[in-house]
Amino acid sequence: MNIQGRFMSKQWLSRLKGYVQVIKPGIIMGNLISVTGGFLLAAKGSVDLTLMLMTILGLSLVVASGCGLNNCIDRDIDAKMQRTRNRVTVTGEISVYSVLVFSLALGLIGFGLLAIFTNKIALLFAVIGYLVYVGIYSLYMKRHSVYGTLIGSFSGAVPPVVGYCAVTGEIDTGAVILLLMFSLWQMPHSYAIAIFRYKDYAAAKIPVLPVAKGMTRAKLHIVLYIAVFSLVSALLPLAGYTGIAFMAVTCATSLWWLGMALKGYQRDINLNQWARQVFGCSIVTITALSIAMAMDFQLVVQTPLLTLSN
């Protein structure tokens, strides 16, 4: 290969990495685990592989699209944050227009797959989650309100519900529990990030709780949200959707996470290190629960709260 060919190859690889960066693969992977968990919980051992794969792929593309649009919207505040100042939408390595078109194309394909292979309820949740994340959270709430995290938590809780409803085609008690459970999980998870990224958020003037209300309020909210999350996650086995194994996992992980959160009240605690530990516990907790609910499902019959006819 000549010099020009090598240069073009490196340029192409750099551009490809840039497009991968804007869709935030870490977030996609986390959502992939949760949508699979919700799907397998509802499937109760009778898995339609085509439906599962198309649900996962469609939802992943929708999430990727939302992340790409978020990069376009946030490029001004990303430039002020150490963690995000080298994103391609900030440096100009890839034009905002190109990222916008790329993201919208991913969204169209993702919603198309969900529309073709799943059902109206699953598609509806995906659309609402997308609009909340891109339209309400990214465009306004993130920049202007301390409640932005709360609004964003809804969109973050949508993937397992989409997976669940792709199987059931209805909203029942299980779907509601999953929505509440994953929304509550988002709050301490996000507040922990806001604490160890405090300087970034303060520099960009993003009114997350630690910046807007202080560390004391943030620590209290982390503890309270974890406590409520623990109670709500226990509703899955109590309502008969999962068994004793899930109950054991949720009790063990939630108590461990809550214990770590309470350490924030120790004297001379290193807040950054503590917040990273709380964040790590949150990842382990939700991953363990997603796997547990996928494996420890129970054969229950529930009356649907809402069904949309095809």
Protein backbone atom coordinates (compact mmCIF):
# COMPACT_ATOMS: atom_id res chain seq x y z
CA MET A 1 0.00 0.00 0.00
CA ASN A 2 1.42 3.40 -0.95
CA ILE A 3 1.69 6.40 1.36
CA GLN A 4 -1.51 7.99 0.06
CA GLY A 5 -3.40 4.72 0.54
CA ARG A 6 -2.17 4.38 4.11
CA PHE A 7 -3.15 7.97 4.85
CA MET A 8 -6.65 7.40 3.46
CA SER A 9 -6.97 4.19 5.46
CA LYS A 10 -5.99 5.91 8.71
CA GLN A 11 -8.33 8.80 7.93
CA TRP A 12 -11.20 6.40 7.30
CA LEU A 13 -10.50 4.51 10.54
CA SER A 14 -10.35 7.77 12.49
CA ARG A 15 -13.68 8.85 11.02
CA LEU A 16 -15.22 5.46 11.82
CA LYS A 17 -14.02 5.73 15.43
CA GLY A 18 -15.59 9.18 15.57
CA TYR A 19 -18.98 7.87 14.51
CA VAL A 20 -18.70 5.04 17.06
CA GLN A 21 -17.83 7.60 19.74
CA VAL A 22 -20.91 9.76 19.16
CA ILE A 23 -23.34 6.86 19.68
CA LYS A 24 -21.82 6.11 23.12
CA PRO A 25 -21.27 2.32 22.96
CA GLY A 26 -21.08 2.05 26.76
CA ILE A 27 -24.64 3.34 27.10
CA ILE A 28 -25.81 1.04 24.30
CA MET A 29 -24.26 -1.97 26.04
CA GLY A 30 -25.94 -1.12 29.33
CA ASN A 31 -29.30 -0.78 27.60
CA LEU A 32 -28.71 -4.02 25.70
CA ILE A 33 -28.44 -5.89 29.01
CA SER A 34 -31.58 -4.31 30.44
CA VAL A 35 -33.74 -4.77 27.31
CA THR A 36 -32.68 -8.43 27.18
CA GLY A 37 -33.54 -8.86 30.84
CA GLY A 38 -37.00 -7.37 30.34
CA PHE A 39 -37.59 -9.49 27.26
CA LEU A 40 -36.59 -12.77 28.91
CA LEU A 41 -38.61 -11.96 32.04
CA ALA A 42 -41.74 -11.62 29.92
CA ALA A 43 -40.90 -14.58 27.65
CA LYS A 44 -40.88 -16.98 30.64
CA GLY A 45 -38.69 -19.50 28.85
CA SER A 46 -40.55 -19.42 25.53
CA VAL A 47 -38.18 -17.26 23.51
CA ASP A 48 -38.87 -16.12 19.96
CA LEU A 49 -35.26 -15.56 18.83
CA THR A 50 -36.18 -13.44 15.83
CA LEU A 51 -38.36 -11.17 17.96
CA MET A 52 -35.66 -10.91 20.64
CA LEU A 53 -32.87 -10.07 18.18
CA MET A 54 -34.96 -7.51 16.31
CA THR A 55 -36.11 -5.90 19.57
CA ILE A 56 -32.53 -5.64 20.82
CA LEU A 57 -31.22 -4.36 17.49
CA GLY A 58 -34.07 -1.90 16.98
CA LEU A 59 -33.86 -0.50 20.49
CA SER A 60 -30.05 -0.29 20.32
CA LEU A 61 -30.28 1.76 17.12
CA VAL A 62 -32.86 4.05 18.72
CA VAL A 63 -30.58 4.56 21.74
CA ALA A 64 -27.61 5.18 19.43
CA SER A 65 -29.66 7.77 17.54
CA GLY A 66 -30.61 9.57 20.76
CA CYS A 67 -26.97 9.61 21.91
CA GLY A 68 -25.84 11.02 18.56
CA LEU A 69 -28.43 13.81 18.68
CA ASN A 70 -27.44 14.52 22.28
CA ASN A 71 -23.86 15.04 21.08
CA CYS A 72 -25.08 17.54 18.50
CA ILE A 73 -27.15 19.43 21.05
CA ASP A 74 -24.50 19.43 23.79
CA ARG A 75 -21.48 20.47 21.72
CA ASP A 76 -21.31 23.92 23.37
CA ILE A 77 -21.34 22.62 26.93
CA ASP A 78 -19.19 19.62 26.01
CA ALA A 79 -16.45 22.09 25.01
CA LYS A 80 -16.35 23.33 28.62
CA MET A 81 -15.98 19.89 30.20
CA GLN A 82 -12.65 18.09 30.50
CA ARG A 83 -14.27 14.70 29.90
CA THR A 84 -16.06 15.70 26.70
CA ARG A 85 -13.98 18.47 25.16
CA ASN A 86 -12.39 16.06 22.64
CA ARG A 87 -15.64 14.71 21.22
CA VAL A 88 -15.72 14.91 17.43
CA THR A 89 -18.73 17.22 17.52
CA VAL A 90 -16.64 19.66 19.59
CA THR A 91 -13.36 19.39 17.69
CA GLY A 92 -15.08 19.51 14.31
CA GLU A 93 -13.45 16.26 13.19
CA ILE A 94 -16.91 15.27 11.97
CA SER A 95 -19.41 17.98 11.09
CA VAL A 96 -22.54 18.41 13.17
CA TYR A 97 -24.60 18.00 10.00
CA SER A 98 -23.00 14.60 9.30
CA VAL A 99 -23.63 13.41 12.87
CA LEU A 100 -27.20 14.70 12.68
CA VAL A 101 -27.95 12.83 9.45
CA PHE A 102 -26.20 9.69 10.75
CA SER A 103 -28.18 9.78 14.01
CA LEU A 104 -31.52 10.36 12.33
CA ALA A 105 -30.85 7.48 9.92
CA LEU A 106 -30.11 5.16 12.84
CA GLY A 107 -33.32 6.27 14.52
CA LEU A 108 -35.43 5.65 11.43
CA ILE A 109 -34.00 2.14 11.00
CA GLY A 110 -34.41 1.38 14.71
CA PHE A 111 -38.01 2.56 14.91
CA GLY A 112 -38.72 0.76 11.64
CA LEU A 113 -37.49 -2.55 13.06
CA LEU A 114 -39.57 -2.09 16.22
CA ALA A 115 -42.64 -1.18 14.15
CA ILE A 116 -42.25 -4.25 11.91
CA PHE A 117 -41.26 -6.90 14.43
CA THR A 118 -42.72 -5.86 17.80
CA ASN A 119 -46.05 -4.18 18.62
CA LYS A 120 -47.68 -0.82 19.25
CA ILE A 121 -47.02 -0.77 23.00
CA ALA A 122 -43.30 -1.49 22.67
CA LEU A 123 -42.99 1.04 19.86
CA LEU A 124 -44.93 3.64 21.86
CA PHE A 125 -42.56 3.32 24.84
CA ALA A 126 -39.54 3.61 22.54
CA VAL A 127 -40.94 6.76 20.90
CA ILE A 128 -41.85 8.39 24.22
CA GLY A 129 -38.45 7.57 25.72
CA TYR A 130 -36.70 8.99 22.67
CA LEU A 131 -38.73 12.21 22.68
CA VAL A 132 -38.19 12.70 26.42
CA TYR A 133 -34.43 12.19 26.13
CA VAL A 134 -33.83 14.27 23.02
CA GLY A 135 -36.64 16.80 23.17
CA ILE A 136 -37.28 17.48 26.86
CA TYR A 137 -34.08 16.45 28.64
CA SER A 138 -31.31 17.32 26.16
CA LEU A 139 -32.84 20.47 24.68
CA TYR A 140 -34.08 22.05 27.90
CA MET A 141 -34.14 20.32 31.29
CA LYS A 142 -30.46 19.35 31.43
CA ARG A 143 -29.42 22.98 31.05
CA HIS A 144 -32.10 24.73 33.06
CA SER A 145 -33.41 22.60 35.91
CA VAL A 146 -32.17 20.53 38.81
CA TYR A 147 -35.00 18.15 37.90
CA GLY A 148 -33.34 17.31 34.60
CA THR A 149 -31.95 14.10 36.09
CA LEU A 150 -35.44 13.03 37.15
CA ILE A 151 -36.84 13.64 33.66
CA GLY A 152 -33.90 11.86 32.06
CA SER A 153 -34.38 8.88 34.36
CA PHE A 154 -37.64 8.03 32.59
CA SER A 155 -35.97 7.64 29.21
CA GLY A 156 -33.22 5.58 30.83
CA ALA A 157 -35.84 3.21 32.22
CA VAL A 158 -37.57 2.60 28.87
CA PRO A 159 -35.33 -0.18 27.39
CA PRO A 160 -36.34 -3.02 29.77
CA VAL A 161 -39.99 -2.00 29.38
CA VAL A 162 -39.66 -2.12 25.58
CA GLY A 163 -38.16 -5.60 25.86
CA TYR A 164 -40.92 -6.71 28.20
CA CYS A 165 -43.78 -5.25 26.15
CA ALA A 166 -42.33 -6.62 22.90
CA VAL A 167 -43.31 -10.03 24.28
CA THR A 168 -46.54 -9.23 26.11
CA GLY A 169 -47.98 -6.55 23.82
CA GLU A 170 -49.56 -4.92 26.85
CA ILE A 171 -48.82 -2.82 29.92
CA ASP A 172 -49.33 -4.88 33.05
CA THR A 173 -48.08 -4.64 36.63
CA GLY A 174 -44.73 -6.13 35.66
CA ALA A 175 -44.11 -3.39 33.08
CA VAL A 176 -44.98 -0.69 35.64
CA ILE A 177 -42.63 -2.22 38.23
CA LEU A 178 -39.79 -2.33 35.69
CA LEU A 179 -40.37 1.31 34.74
CA LEU A 180 -40.34 2.45 38.37
CA MET A 181 -37.42 0.21 39.28
CA PHE A 182 -35.10 1.35 36.50
CA SER A 183 -36.14 5.01 36.87
CA LEU A 184 -35.28 4.95 40.57
CA TRP A 185 -31.97 3.24 39.83
CA GLN A 186 -30.99 6.05 37.44
CA MET A 187 -31.13 8.71 40.16
CA PRO A 188 -28.33 7.66 42.58
CA HIS A 189 -26.34 6.35 39.61
CA SER A 190 -26.49 9.80 37.95
CA TYR A 191 -25.90 11.74 41.18
CA ALA A 192 -22.77 9.71 41.84
CA ILE A 193 -21.46 10.67 38.39
CA ALA A 194 -22.33 14.31 39.07
CA ILE A 195 -20.26 14.22 42.27
CA PHE A 196 -17.05 12.81 40.81
CA ARG A 197 -17.53 14.97 37.70
CA TYR A 198 -18.47 18.01 39.78
CA LYS A 199 -15.87 20.34 38.26
CA ASP A 200 -17.02 19.51 34.72
CA TYR A 201 -20.68 20.14 35.48
CA ALA A 202 -19.89 23.35 37.38
CA ALA A 203 -17.72 24.62 34.51
CA ALA A 204 -20.53 23.97 32.03
CA LYS A 205 -23.10 25.44 34.46
CA ILE A 206 -25.27 22.33 34.34
CA PRO A 207 -27.61 22.43 37.39
CA VAL A 208 -27.23 18.84 38.56
CA LEU A 209 -28.07 18.32 42.22
CA PRO A 210 -24.53 18.50 43.70
CA VAL A 211 -23.86 21.75 41.80
CA ALA A 212 -27.26 23.36 42.37
CA LYS A 213 -28.02 22.19 45.93
CA GLY A 214 -24.71 21.03 47.36
CA MET A 215 -23.06 17.75 48.34
CA THR A 216 -25.07 17.26 51.54
CA ARG A 217 -28.35 17.26 49.64
CA ALA A 218 -26.87 14.99 46.95
CA LYS A 219 -25.68 12.42 49.50
CA LEU A 220 -29.11 12.37 51.18
CA HIS A 221 -30.90 11.87 47.85
CA ILE A 222 -28.54 9.04 46.90
CA VAL A 223 -29.36 7.18 50.11
CA LEU A 224 -33.11 7.78 49.85
CA TYR A 225 -33.36 6.76 46.20
CA ILE A 226 -31.39 3.55 46.80
CA ALA A 227 -33.68 2.70 49.73
CA VAL A 228 -36.83 3.21 47.63
CA PHE A 229 -35.26 1.35 44.70
CA SER A 230 -34.63 -1.61 47.02
CA LEU A 231 -38.30 -1.73 48.01
CA VAL A 232 -39.60 -1.40 44.44
CA SER A 233 -37.26 -4.07 43.04
CA ALA A 234 -38.60 -6.46 45.70
CA LEU A 235 -42.07 -6.04 44.17
CA LEU A 236 -41.15 -8.29 41.23
CA PRO A 237 -40.90 -11.43 43.41
CA LEU A 238 -43.68 -10.27 45.74
CA ALA A 239 -46.02 -9.88 42.74
CA GLY A 240 -45.02 -13.33 41.48
CA TYR A 241 -42.98 -12.31 38.44
CA THR A 242 -39.71 -13.70 39.79
CA GLY A 243 -38.75 -16.20 42.46
CA ILE A 244 -36.63 -16.52 45.57
CA ALA A 245 -33.35 -16.34 43.65
CA PHE A 246 -34.17 -12.85 42.35
CA MET A 247 -35.25 -11.81 45.84
CA ALA A 248 -31.91 -12.99 47.24
CA VAL A 249 -29.98 -11.11 44.55
CA THR A 250 -31.95 -7.88 44.96
CA CYS A 251 -31.63 -7.96 48.76
CA ALA A 252 -27.88 -8.65 48.64
CA THR A 253 -27.02 -6.08 45.97
CA SER A 254 -29.35 -3.38 47.25
CA LEU A 255 -28.09 -3.65 50.82
CA TRP A 256 -24.50 -3.59 49.56
CA TRP A 257 -25.24 -0.51 47.46
CA LEU A 258 -27.07 1.19 50.34
CA GLY A 259 -24.21 0.39 52.73
CA MET A 260 -21.75 1.96 50.30
CA ALA A 261 -23.97 5.05 50.02
CA LEU A 262 -24.11 5.46 53.81
CA LYS A 263 -20.31 5.54 53.94
CA GLY A 264 -20.61 9.00 52.43
CA TYR A 265 -21.42 10.27 55.92
CA GLN A 266 -18.10 9.13 57.38
CA ARG A 267 -15.75 11.85 58.52
CA ASP A 268 -12.98 12.89 56.17
CA ILE A 269 -14.45 10.78 53.36
CA ASN A 270 -12.89 11.27 49.94
CA LEU A 271 -16.05 12.27 48.06
CA ASN A 272 -14.69 11.57 44.59
CA GLN A 273 -13.50 8.08 45.51
CA TRP A 274 -16.72 7.36 47.40
CA ALA A 275 -18.88 8.53 44.49
CA ARG A 276 -16.96 6.29 42.09
CA GLN A 277 -17.59 3.35 44.42
CA VAL A 278 -21.32 4.16 44.57
CA PHE A 279 -21.31 4.38 40.77
CA GLY A 280 -19.54 1.00 40.51
CA CYS A 281 -22.06 -0.56 42.90
CA SER A 282 -24.91 0.77 40.76
CA ILE A 283 -23.53 -0.93 37.64
CA VAL A 284 -23.05 -4.25 39.41
CA THR A 285 -26.51 -4.03 41.01
CA ILE A 286 -28.52 -3.36 37.85
CA THR A 287 -26.53 -5.90 35.82
CA ALA A 288 -27.08 -8.58 38.46
CA LEU A 289 -30.80 -7.81 38.66
CA SER A 290 -31.19 -7.84 34.87
CA ILE A 291 -29.56 -11.27 34.68
CA ALA A 292 -31.49 -12.57 37.69
CA MET A 293 -34.90 -11.52 36.36
CA ALA A 294 -34.07 -13.09 33.00
CA MET A 295 -33.30 -16.44 34.65
CA ASP A 296 -35.66 -16.55 37.64
CA PHE A 297 -38.96 -15.77 35.89
CA GLN A 298 -42.23 -17.21 37.17
CA LEU A 299 -45.23 -18.37 35.13
CA VAL A 300 -47.78 -15.82 36.32
CA VAL A 301 -50.83 -14.53 34.50
CA GLN A 302 -51.57 -10.84 34.97
CA THR A 303 -54.51 -8.70 33.92
CA PRO A 304 -53.25 -6.06 31.49
CA LEU A 305 -53.54 -2.42 32.49
CA LEU A 306 -53.48 -1.29 28.85
CA THR A 307 -53.55 -3.07 25.50
CA LEU A 308 -53.50 -1.48 22.07
CA SER A 309 -55.21 -3.56 19.41
CA ASN A 310 -53.15 -4.27 16.29
